Amino acid sequence: MLRLDCLRAVYGKLDDCLVVTIMGAVASEMQSLGHRANCFYLQHAMGLASSTGLGLALSLPRQKVVVFDGDGSVLMNLGGLTTLGRYRPGNLVHVIFDNESLLSVGGFPTATSTGTNLEAIARAAGVPRAMTVRTCEQFVMAFDRAMTESELTCIVAKVEAVGPKGYVTDLALLENRFQFAREVARRRQDG
């Protein structure tokens, strides 16, 4: 399955939540669907999308937070999974697009290409609901369930190592940072 197909399938369901994406292909493909003020593209901070999402989820417990991450990023900060497992925010959905490579920085293979199982690691770290999906239909079903329930969920989506032609976007990173902060503040005021 393609990551872009997964993103496209759930894009319309992201209006009422805060979204954090990791750098590279995930951010570029998400932006290709249309920019939203509730989406933060975490550029130049590989490995920290889940940590950023955790902070948002803990500080805004009535706000659903979705993190779109990559296998390389998660492997770079495995401690992030243990921290998620420790705090278990029920309003956080952590999606890991596992293409078994560092696609955005040259396509080098990651540990998942030789057998490392991110679902098993998430479970061992204390994440209460973790699953691996291999089709877009399975992804949408798992995502929809996670969005309606109040339990920390990690969805490992096995996707092809295919990305956009380029990783350049027309959104200024500094403006995204300020725009997202204003959106978080607005949602905090609204309750």
N, C-alpha and C. Protein backbone atom coordinates (compact mmCIF):
# COMPACT_ATOMS: atom_id res chain seq x y z
N MET A 1 0.84 -1.18 0.00
CA MET A 1 0.00 0.00 0.00
C MET A 1 0.88 1.23 0.00
N LEU A 2 0.32 2.33 -0.45
CA LEU A 2 1.05 3.58 -0.51
C LEU A 2 0.66 4.49 0.66
N ARG A 3 1.65 5.15 1.23
CA ARG A 3 1.41 6.09 2.33
C ARG A 3 0.44 7.18 1.89
N LEU A 4 0.63 7.71 0.68
CA LEU A 4 -0.24 8.77 0.20
C LEU A 4 -1.69 8.32 0.13
N ASP A 5 -1.94 7.08 -0.26
CA ASP A 5 -3.32 6.57 -0.28
C ASP A 5 -3.91 6.52 1.12
N CYS A 6 -3.10 6.14 2.08
CA CYS A 6 -3.57 6.12 3.48
C CYS A 6 -3.89 7.53 3.96
N LEU A 7 -2.98 8.46 3.70
CA LEU A 7 -3.22 9.85 4.11
C LEU A 7 -4.46 10.41 3.43
N ARG A 8 -4.59 10.14 2.15
CA ARG A 8 -5.75 10.63 1.41
C ARG A 8 -7.05 10.05 2.00
N ALA A 9 -7.03 8.79 2.41
CA ALA A 9 -8.23 8.13 2.93
C ALA A 9 -8.70 8.71 4.25
N VAL A 10 -7.78 9.27 5.06
CA VAL A 10 -8.19 9.80 6.37
C VAL A 10 -8.11 11.32 6.45
N TYR A 11 -7.67 11.96 5.40
CA TYR A 11 -7.46 13.41 5.41
C TYR A 11 -8.71 14.17 5.83
N GLY A 12 -9.85 13.77 5.35
CA GLY A 12 -11.11 14.45 5.68
C GLY A 12 -11.55 14.26 7.13
N LYS A 13 -10.87 13.39 7.86
CA LYS A 13 -11.24 13.11 9.26
C LYS A 13 -10.35 13.83 10.24
N LEU A 14 -9.52 14.75 9.76
CA LEU A 14 -8.53 15.40 10.61
C LEU A 14 -8.90 16.81 11.05
N ASP A 15 -10.07 17.29 10.67
CA ASP A 15 -10.46 18.66 10.99
C ASP A 15 -10.48 18.95 12.48
N ASP A 16 -11.00 18.03 13.26
CA ASP A 16 -11.22 18.28 14.68
C ASP A 16 -10.07 17.86 15.58
N CYS A 17 -8.93 17.53 15.02
CA CYS A 17 -7.80 17.11 15.85
C CYS A 17 -6.58 17.94 15.52
N LEU A 18 -5.55 17.80 16.35
CA LEU A 18 -4.26 18.39 16.07
C LEU A 18 -3.40 17.31 15.44
N VAL A 19 -2.63 17.67 14.42
CA VAL A 19 -1.85 16.71 13.66
C VAL A 19 -0.38 17.12 13.69
N VAL A 20 0.49 16.15 13.96
CA VAL A 20 1.93 16.35 13.90
C VAL A 20 2.48 15.35 12.90
N THR A 21 3.28 15.82 11.96
CA THR A 21 3.93 14.90 11.02
C THR A 21 5.44 15.01 11.17
N ILE A 22 6.10 13.93 10.86
CA ILE A 22 7.56 13.94 10.84
C ILE A 22 8.00 14.55 9.51
N MET A 23 9.27 14.76 9.38
CA MET A 23 9.84 15.42 8.20
C MET A 23 9.72 14.57 6.93
N GLY A 24 10.16 15.12 5.83
CA GLY A 24 10.33 14.37 4.60
C GLY A 24 9.05 13.98 3.89
N ALA A 25 8.98 12.72 3.48
CA ALA A 25 7.90 12.24 2.63
C ALA A 25 6.53 12.41 3.28
N VAL A 26 6.42 12.12 4.56
CA VAL A 26 5.12 12.23 5.23
C VAL A 26 4.63 13.67 5.18
N ALA A 27 5.49 14.61 5.55
CA ALA A 27 5.11 16.02 5.54
C ALA A 27 4.78 16.49 4.13
N SER A 28 5.59 16.13 3.17
CA SER A 28 5.36 16.56 1.78
C SER A 28 4.05 16.01 1.24
N GLU A 29 3.79 14.74 1.49
CA GLU A 29 2.55 14.14 0.98
C GLU A 29 1.33 14.71 1.69
N MET A 30 1.45 14.96 2.98
CA MET A 30 0.34 15.56 3.72
C MET A 30 0.04 16.95 3.16
N GLN A 31 1.08 17.74 2.94
CA GLN A 31 0.88 19.09 2.40
C GLN A 31 0.32 19.05 0.98
N SER A 32 0.65 18.01 0.23
CA SER A 32 0.14 17.92 -1.13
C SER A 32 -1.38 17.77 -1.16
N LEU A 33 -1.95 17.33 -0.05
CA LEU A 33 -3.41 17.19 0.04
C LEU A 33 -4.07 18.51 0.42
N GLY A 34 -3.29 19.46 0.88
CA GLY A 34 -3.81 20.77 1.28
C GLY A 34 -3.37 21.09 2.70
N HIS A 35 -2.90 22.30 2.90
CA HIS A 35 -2.42 22.69 4.22
C HIS A 35 -3.58 23.08 5.12
N ARG A 36 -3.42 22.76 6.41
CA ARG A 36 -4.40 23.13 7.43
C ARG A 36 -3.66 23.75 8.60
N ALA A 37 -4.30 24.67 9.26
CA ALA A 37 -3.68 25.33 10.42
C ALA A 37 -3.48 24.37 11.58
N ASN A 38 -4.24 23.27 11.63
CA ASN A 38 -4.13 22.32 12.74
C ASN A 38 -3.05 21.26 12.52
N CYS A 39 -2.23 21.44 11.50
CA CYS A 39 -1.19 20.46 11.18
C CYS A 39 0.19 21.09 11.33
N PHE A 40 1.04 20.43 12.12
CA PHE A 40 2.40 20.90 12.35
C PHE A 40 3.37 19.94 11.67
N TYR A 41 4.16 20.48 10.75
CA TYR A 41 5.13 19.70 10.00
C TYR A 41 6.47 19.81 10.72
N LEU A 42 6.81 18.80 11.47
CA LEU A 42 7.99 18.82 12.33
C LEU A 42 9.24 18.56 11.50
N GLN A 43 9.75 19.59 10.87
CA GLN A 43 10.94 19.47 10.04
C GLN A 43 12.19 19.59 10.90
N HIS A 44 13.25 18.94 10.50
CA HIS A 44 14.56 19.05 11.14
C HIS A 44 14.55 18.59 12.60
N ALA A 45 13.71 17.65 12.93
CA ALA A 45 13.65 17.12 14.30
C ALA A 45 13.30 15.63 14.24
N MET A 46 14.07 14.88 13.46
CA MET A 46 13.79 13.47 13.25
C MET A 46 13.76 12.73 14.58
N GLY A 47 12.70 11.95 14.77
CA GLY A 47 12.54 11.17 15.99
C GLY A 47 11.66 11.81 17.03
N LEU A 48 11.26 13.05 16.85
CA LEU A 48 10.55 13.77 17.91
C LEU A 48 9.06 14.00 17.66
N ALA A 49 8.51 13.43 16.62
CA ALA A 49 7.08 13.62 16.36
C ALA A 49 6.23 13.03 17.49
N SER A 50 6.55 11.82 17.94
CA SER A 50 5.75 11.21 19.01
C SER A 50 5.89 12.00 20.31
N SER A 51 7.06 12.54 20.57
CA SER A 51 7.27 13.34 21.78
C SER A 51 6.47 14.64 21.72
N THR A 52 6.45 15.27 20.55
CA THR A 52 5.65 16.48 20.37
C THR A 52 4.17 16.17 20.53
N GLY A 53 3.72 15.08 19.91
CA GLY A 53 2.33 14.67 20.05
C GLY A 53 1.95 14.35 21.48
N LEU A 54 2.87 13.71 22.20
CA LEU A 54 2.60 13.39 23.61
C LEU A 54 2.41 14.66 24.43
N GLY A 55 3.28 15.64 24.22
CA GLY A 55 3.15 16.90 24.94
C GLY A 55 1.81 17.57 24.68
N LEU A 56 1.39 17.57 23.41
CA LEU A 56 0.10 18.15 23.06
C LEU A 56 -1.04 17.38 23.71
N ALA A 57 -0.97 16.05 23.64
CA ALA A 57 -2.05 15.22 24.19
C ALA A 57 -2.19 15.39 25.70
N LEU A 58 -1.07 15.49 26.40
CA LEU A 58 -1.12 15.66 27.86
C LEU A 58 -1.59 17.05 28.25
N SER A 59 -1.22 18.06 27.48
CA SER A 59 -1.61 19.43 27.84
C SER A 59 -3.02 19.79 27.37
N LEU A 60 -3.55 19.03 26.44
CA LEU A 60 -4.91 19.26 25.92
C LEU A 60 -5.69 17.94 25.96
N PRO A 61 -6.04 17.46 27.14
CA PRO A 61 -6.61 16.11 27.26
C PRO A 61 -7.96 15.89 26.57
N ARG A 62 -8.67 16.96 26.24
CA ARG A 62 -9.95 16.80 25.53
C ARG A 62 -9.80 16.94 24.02
N GLN A 63 -8.57 17.11 23.56
CA GLN A 63 -8.28 17.31 22.13
C GLN A 63 -7.64 16.05 21.56
N LYS A 64 -8.20 15.49 20.51
CA LYS A 64 -7.59 14.34 19.85
C LYS A 64 -6.34 14.81 19.11
N VAL A 65 -5.24 14.04 19.26
CA VAL A 65 -3.97 14.35 18.63
C VAL A 65 -3.56 13.16 17.78
N VAL A 66 -3.19 13.43 16.53
CA VAL A 66 -2.74 12.38 15.61
C VAL A 66 -1.30 12.68 15.21
N VAL A 67 -0.44 11.67 15.35
CA VAL A 67 0.95 11.79 14.92
C VAL A 67 1.16 10.86 13.73
N PHE A 68 1.65 11.43 12.62
CA PHE A 68 2.04 10.64 11.47
C PHE A 68 3.56 10.57 11.46
N ASP A 69 4.09 9.39 11.71
CA ASP A 69 5.51 9.18 11.95
C ASP A 69 6.07 8.21 10.91
N GLY A 70 7.36 7.96 10.97
CA GLY A 70 8.00 7.00 10.09
C GLY A 70 8.83 6.02 10.88
N ASP A 71 9.13 4.88 10.30
CA ASP A 71 9.89 3.86 11.01
C ASP A 71 11.28 4.35 11.39
N GLY A 72 11.95 5.06 10.50
CA GLY A 72 13.28 5.57 10.81
C GLY A 72 13.26 6.53 11.98
N SER A 73 12.26 7.37 12.02
CA SER A 73 12.14 8.34 13.11
C SER A 73 11.86 7.64 14.44
N VAL A 74 10.97 6.67 14.42
CA VAL A 74 10.65 5.94 15.66
C VAL A 74 11.88 5.18 16.15
N LEU A 75 12.60 4.55 15.23
CA LEU A 75 13.80 3.80 15.62
C LEU A 75 14.87 4.73 16.18
N MET A 76 14.89 5.96 15.73
CA MET A 76 15.87 6.92 16.23
C MET A 76 15.58 7.33 17.68
N ASN A 77 14.32 7.22 18.09
CA ASN A 77 13.92 7.63 19.44
C ASN A 77 12.99 6.58 20.05
N LEU A 78 13.51 5.37 20.23
CA LEU A 78 12.67 4.31 20.81
C LEU A 78 12.20 4.65 22.21
N GLY A 79 12.95 5.51 22.89
CA GLY A 79 12.51 5.96 24.21
C GLY A 79 11.18 6.69 24.16
N GLY A 80 10.85 7.25 22.99
CA GLY A 80 9.56 7.90 22.85
C GLY A 80 8.40 6.93 23.04
N LEU A 81 8.56 5.70 22.57
CA LEU A 81 7.51 4.69 22.77
C LEU A 81 7.36 4.33 24.24
N THR A 82 8.47 4.25 24.97
CA THR A 82 8.37 3.93 26.40
C THR A 82 7.69 5.05 27.17
N THR A 83 7.93 6.28 26.74
CA THR A 83 7.27 7.42 27.41
C THR A 83 5.79 7.44 27.08
N LEU A 84 5.43 7.14 25.82
CA LEU A 84 4.01 7.01 25.48
C LEU A 84 3.37 5.93 26.34
N GLY A 85 4.04 4.78 26.48
CA GLY A 85 3.52 3.68 27.27
C GLY A 85 3.39 4.02 28.75
N ARG A 86 4.24 4.89 29.22
CA ARG A 86 4.17 5.31 30.64
C ARG A 86 2.95 6.19 30.89
N TYR A 87 2.73 7.18 30.02
CA TYR A 87 1.64 8.14 30.26
C TYR A 87 0.32 7.74 29.63
N ARG A 88 0.34 6.98 28.57
CA ARG A 88 -0.86 6.42 27.92
C ARG A 88 -2.00 7.42 27.70
N PRO A 89 -1.74 8.52 27.03
CA PRO A 89 -2.85 9.46 26.80
C PRO A 89 -3.89 8.86 25.86
N GLY A 90 -5.11 8.80 26.31
CA GLY A 90 -6.19 8.20 25.53
C GLY A 90 -6.60 9.02 24.32
N ASN A 91 -6.10 10.23 24.22
CA ASN A 91 -6.46 11.10 23.10
C ASN A 91 -5.39 11.14 22.01
N LEU A 92 -4.44 10.20 22.05
CA LEU A 92 -3.34 10.19 21.07
C LEU A 92 -3.40 8.97 20.17
N VAL A 93 -3.31 9.21 18.87
CA VAL A 93 -3.22 8.16 17.87
C VAL A 93 -1.86 8.32 17.20
N HIS A 94 -1.02 7.29 17.30
CA HIS A 94 0.33 7.33 16.74
C HIS A 94 0.39 6.40 15.53
N VAL A 95 0.47 6.98 14.35
CA VAL A 95 0.57 6.21 13.11
C VAL A 95 2.03 6.17 12.70
N ILE A 96 2.55 4.97 12.49
CA ILE A 96 3.93 4.81 12.01
C ILE A 96 3.87 4.22 10.62
N PHE A 97 4.27 5.01 9.63
CA PHE A 97 4.36 4.49 8.27
C PHE A 97 5.71 3.79 8.14
N ASP A 98 5.67 2.47 8.04
CA ASP A 98 6.88 1.65 8.00
C ASP A 98 7.15 1.20 6.58
N ASN A 99 8.11 1.88 5.94
CA ASN A 99 8.51 1.49 4.58
C ASN A 99 9.86 0.78 4.58
N GLU A 100 10.35 0.45 5.78
CA GLU A 100 11.59 -0.30 5.96
C GLU A 100 12.80 0.42 5.40
N SER A 101 12.70 1.75 5.31
CA SER A 101 13.83 2.52 4.80
C SER A 101 13.80 3.95 5.31
N LEU A 102 14.95 4.59 5.20
CA LEU A 102 15.05 6.03 5.46
C LEU A 102 14.87 6.73 4.11
N LEU A 103 13.67 6.63 3.59
CA LEU A 103 13.36 7.09 2.25
C LEU A 103 13.73 8.55 2.03
N SER A 104 13.41 9.40 3.00
CA SER A 104 13.59 10.84 2.83
C SER A 104 15.04 11.27 2.81
N VAL A 105 15.94 10.41 3.29
CA VAL A 105 17.36 10.79 3.34
C VAL A 105 18.24 9.80 2.58
N GLY A 106 17.71 9.20 1.54
CA GLY A 106 18.53 8.36 0.69
C GLY A 106 18.08 6.93 0.50
N GLY A 107 17.09 6.48 1.26
CA GLY A 107 16.55 5.14 1.07
C GLY A 107 17.32 4.01 1.73
N PHE A 108 18.17 4.34 2.68
CA PHE A 108 18.91 3.29 3.38
C PHE A 108 17.94 2.42 4.17
N PRO A 109 18.19 1.11 4.27
CA PRO A 109 17.27 0.23 5.00
C PRO A 109 17.30 0.52 6.50
N THR A 110 16.14 0.36 7.13
CA THR A 110 16.05 0.47 8.59
C THR A 110 16.03 -0.93 9.19
N ALA A 111 16.04 -1.00 10.50
CA ALA A 111 16.02 -2.29 11.20
C ALA A 111 14.74 -3.08 10.93
N THR A 112 13.66 -2.40 10.53
CA THR A 112 12.43 -3.15 10.24
C THR A 112 12.59 -4.00 8.98
N SER A 113 13.56 -3.65 8.13
CA SER A 113 13.79 -4.45 6.92
C SER A 113 14.45 -5.79 7.24
N THR A 114 14.97 -5.92 8.45
CA THR A 114 15.64 -7.18 8.84
C THR A 114 14.95 -7.86 10.02
N GLY A 115 13.69 -7.47 10.27
CA GLY A 115 12.91 -8.20 11.26
C GLY A 115 12.46 -7.45 12.50
N THR A 116 12.94 -6.25 12.75
CA THR A 116 12.48 -5.51 13.92
C THR A 116 10.99 -5.23 13.77
N ASN A 117 10.22 -5.51 14.83
CA ASN A 117 8.77 -5.43 14.80
C ASN A 117 8.32 -4.27 15.68
N LEU A 118 7.91 -3.16 15.05
CA LEU A 118 7.52 -1.97 15.81
C LEU A 118 6.24 -2.18 16.62
N GLU A 119 5.33 -2.99 16.13
CA GLU A 119 4.12 -3.28 16.91
C GLU A 119 4.51 -3.97 18.21
N ALA A 120 5.37 -4.97 18.13
CA ALA A 120 5.80 -5.70 19.32
C ALA A 120 6.56 -4.78 20.29
N ILE A 121 7.38 -3.89 19.76
CA ILE A 121 8.10 -2.94 20.62
C ILE A 121 7.12 -2.02 21.32
N ALA A 122 6.14 -1.50 20.59
CA ALA A 122 5.14 -0.62 21.20
C ALA A 122 4.39 -1.34 22.32
N ARG A 123 3.99 -2.57 22.08
CA ARG A 123 3.29 -3.35 23.12
C ARG A 123 4.19 -3.55 24.34
N ALA A 124 5.44 -3.93 24.09
CA ALA A 124 6.38 -4.16 25.19
C ALA A 124 6.67 -2.87 25.95
N ALA A 125 6.54 -1.73 25.29
CA ALA A 125 6.76 -0.44 25.94
C ALA A 125 5.56 0.01 26.76
N GLY A 126 4.44 -0.70 26.64
CA GLY A 126 3.27 -0.37 27.44
C GLY A 126 2.16 0.32 26.68
N VAL A 127 2.27 0.41 25.37
CA VAL A 127 1.19 1.01 24.58
C VAL A 127 0.03 0.02 24.59
N PRO A 128 -1.15 0.42 25.09
CA PRO A 128 -2.25 -0.54 25.28
C PRO A 128 -2.84 -1.12 24.00
N ARG A 129 -2.83 -0.36 22.91
CA ARG A 129 -3.37 -0.89 21.66
C ARG A 129 -2.38 -0.62 20.55
N ALA A 130 -1.82 -1.69 20.00
CA ALA A 130 -0.89 -1.58 18.89
C ALA A 130 -1.23 -2.64 17.87
N MET A 131 -1.16 -2.28 16.60
CA MET A 131 -1.47 -3.23 15.54
C MET A 131 -0.69 -2.88 14.29
N THR A 132 -0.52 -3.88 13.43
CA THR A 132 0.11 -3.68 12.13
C THR A 132 -0.94 -3.91 11.06
N VAL A 133 -0.98 -2.99 10.08
CA VAL A 133 -1.93 -3.12 8.97
C VAL A 133 -1.15 -3.14 7.66
N ARG A 134 -1.71 -3.83 6.68
CA ARG A 134 -1.01 -3.99 5.40
C ARG A 134 -1.83 -3.58 4.19
N THR A 135 -3.08 -3.18 4.41
CA THR A 135 -3.91 -2.68 3.30
C THR A 135 -4.52 -1.35 3.72
N CYS A 136 -4.89 -0.58 2.72
CA CYS A 136 -5.50 0.72 3.01
C CYS A 136 -6.82 0.53 3.76
N GLU A 137 -7.56 -0.51 3.42
CA GLU A 137 -8.83 -0.77 4.10
C GLU A 137 -8.59 -1.07 5.58
N GLN A 138 -7.59 -1.90 5.88
CA GLN A 138 -7.25 -2.18 7.28
C GLN A 138 -6.82 -0.91 8.00
N PHE A 139 -6.05 -0.08 7.30
CA PHE A 139 -5.58 1.16 7.90
C PHE A 139 -6.76 2.06 8.27
N VAL A 140 -7.69 2.24 7.36
CA VAL A 140 -8.84 3.11 7.62
C VAL A 140 -9.67 2.56 8.78
N MET A 141 -9.89 1.25 8.82
CA MET A 141 -10.66 0.66 9.92
C MET A 141 -9.96 0.89 11.26
N ALA A 142 -8.66 0.66 11.31
CA ALA A 142 -7.90 0.86 12.55
C ALA A 142 -7.89 2.33 12.96
N PHE A 143 -7.72 3.21 11.98
CA PHE A 143 -7.69 4.65 12.26
C PHE A 143 -9.05 5.12 12.78
N ASP A 144 -10.12 4.73 12.11
CA ASP A 144 -11.46 5.13 12.54
C ASP A 144 -11.75 4.67 13.96
N ARG A 145 -11.38 3.45 14.28
CA ARG A 145 -11.60 2.93 15.63
C ARG A 145 -10.80 3.74 16.65
N ALA A 146 -9.54 4.02 16.34
CA ALA A 146 -8.70 4.78 17.25
C ALA A 146 -9.25 6.19 17.48
N MET A 147 -9.84 6.76 16.46
CA MET A 147 -10.37 8.12 16.58
C MET A 147 -11.63 8.18 17.44
N THR A 148 -12.35 7.08 17.53
CA THR A 148 -13.59 7.09 18.31
C THR A 148 -13.40 6.60 19.73
N GLU A 149 -12.31 5.93 20.01
CA GLU A 149 -12.07 5.40 21.35
C GLU A 149 -11.09 6.27 22.12
N SER A 150 -11.06 6.08 23.41
CA SER A 150 -10.20 6.87 24.28
C SER A 150 -9.09 6.00 24.85
N GLU A 151 -8.26 5.48 23.94
CA GLU A 151 -7.15 4.64 24.36
C GLU A 151 -5.96 4.91 23.43
N LEU A 152 -4.80 5.10 24.03
CA LEU A 152 -3.59 5.30 23.23
C LEU A 152 -3.48 4.17 22.23
N THR A 153 -3.31 4.54 20.96
CA THR A 153 -3.24 3.55 19.90
C THR A 153 -2.03 3.82 19.00
N CYS A 154 -1.34 2.74 18.65
CA CYS A 154 -0.22 2.80 17.71
C CYS A 154 -0.57 1.92 16.52
N ILE A 155 -0.63 2.53 15.35
CA ILE A 155 -0.93 1.80 14.12
C ILE A 155 0.34 1.78 13.27
N VAL A 156 0.89 0.60 13.07
CA VAL A 156 2.05 0.45 12.19
C VAL A 156 1.51 0.08 10.82
N ALA A 157 1.66 0.99 9.87
CA ALA A 157 1.16 0.79 8.51
C ALA A 157 2.33 0.44 7.60
N LYS A 158 2.36 -0.80 7.13
CA LYS A 158 3.42 -1.26 6.24
C LYS A 158 3.15 -0.69 4.85
N VAL A 159 4.01 0.22 4.42
CA VAL A 159 3.81 0.89 3.13
C VAL A 159 5.03 0.67 2.23
N GLU A 160 4.81 0.90 0.95
CA GLU A 160 5.91 0.78 -0.02
C GLU A 160 6.89 1.93 0.16
N ALA A 161 8.13 1.67 -0.18
CA ALA A 161 9.17 2.70 -0.09
C ALA A 161 9.12 3.60 -1.32
N VAL A 162 8.01 4.34 -1.42
CA VAL A 162 7.77 5.25 -2.52
C VAL A 162 7.39 6.59 -1.92
N GLY A 163 7.96 7.65 -2.44
CA GLY A 163 7.65 8.96 -1.92
C GLY A 163 7.40 9.96 -3.02
N PRO A 164 7.24 11.22 -2.63
CA PRO A 164 7.01 12.26 -3.63
C PRO A 164 8.26 12.50 -4.47
N LYS A 165 8.09 13.14 -5.59
CA LYS A 165 9.23 13.45 -6.46
C LYS A 165 10.19 14.42 -5.79
N GLY A 166 9.66 15.30 -4.97
CA GLY A 166 10.49 16.26 -4.25
C GLY A 166 9.96 16.48 -2.84
N TYR A 167 10.80 16.99 -1.99
CA TYR A 167 10.42 17.21 -0.60
C TYR A 167 10.32 18.69 -0.27
N VAL A 168 10.15 19.50 -1.28
CA VAL A 168 10.04 20.94 -1.09
C VAL A 168 8.57 21.30 -1.05
N THR A 169 8.22 22.18 -0.12
CA THR A 169 6.84 22.64 -0.02
C THR A 169 6.84 24.16 -0.11
N ASP A 170 5.68 24.72 -0.33
CA ASP A 170 5.59 26.18 -0.40
C ASP A 170 5.21 26.79 0.94
N LEU A 171 5.16 26.01 1.99
CA LEU A 171 4.83 26.52 3.32
C LEU A 171 6.12 26.87 4.05
N ALA A 172 6.22 28.10 4.50
CA ALA A 172 7.40 28.51 5.27
C ALA A 172 7.35 27.83 6.64
N LEU A 173 8.45 27.20 7.03
CA LEU A 173 8.48 26.46 8.29
C LEU A 173 8.23 27.34 9.49
N LEU A 174 8.78 28.54 9.49
CA LEU A 174 8.58 29.46 10.61
C LEU A 174 7.11 29.86 10.71
N GLU A 175 6.49 30.14 9.58
CA GLU A 175 5.07 30.49 9.59
C GLU A 175 4.23 29.31 10.08
N ASN A 176 4.57 28.08 9.68
CA ASN A 176 3.84 26.91 10.16
C ASN A 176 3.91 26.82 11.67
N ARG A 177 5.08 27.09 12.22
CA ARG A 177 5.25 27.04 13.68
C ARG A 177 4.32 28.03 14.38
N PHE A 178 4.28 29.26 13.90
CA PHE A 178 3.43 30.28 14.53
C PHE A 178 1.95 30.01 14.27
N GLN A 179 1.63 29.59 13.07
CA GLN A 179 0.25 29.29 12.73
C GLN A 179 -0.29 28.15 13.60
N PHE A 180 0.52 27.11 13.78
CA PHE A 180 0.09 25.98 14.59
C PHE A 180 -0.08 26.40 16.05
N ALA A 181 0.84 27.21 16.56
CA ALA A 181 0.73 27.69 17.95
C ALA A 181 -0.55 28.50 18.14
N ARG A 182 -0.91 29.31 17.16
CA ARG A 182 -2.17 30.07 17.26
C ARG A 182 -3.37 29.12 17.26
N GLU A 183 -3.30 28.06 16.46
CA GLU A 183 -4.40 27.09 16.41
C GLU A 183 -4.53 26.34 17.74
N VAL A 184 -3.41 25.96 18.33
CA VAL A 184 -3.44 25.29 19.63
C VAL A 184 -4.05 26.23 20.68
N ALA A 185 -3.64 27.49 20.68
CA ALA A 185 -4.18 28.47 21.64
C ALA A 185 -5.69 28.64 21.44
N ARG A 186 -6.12 28.70 20.20
CA ARG A 186 -7.56 28.84 19.94
C ARG A 186 -8.35 27.65 20.46
N ARG A 187 -7.82 26.46 20.22
CA ARG A 187 -8.52 25.25 20.68
C ARG A 187 -8.53 25.17 22.20
N ARG A 188 -7.47 25.64 22.83
CA ARG A 188 -7.41 25.65 24.30
C ARG A 188 -8.49 26.58 24.85
N GLN A 189 -8.68 27.73 24.22
CA GLN A 189 -9.72 28.67 24.67
C GLN A 189 -11.12 28.13 24.45
N ASP A 190 -11.29 27.40 23.34
CA ASP A 190 -12.61 26.85 23.03
C ASP A 190 -12.99 25.68 23.93
N GLY A 191 -12.04 25.20 24.70
CA GLY A 191 -12.37 24.14 25.64
C GLY A 191 -11.77 22.85 25.34
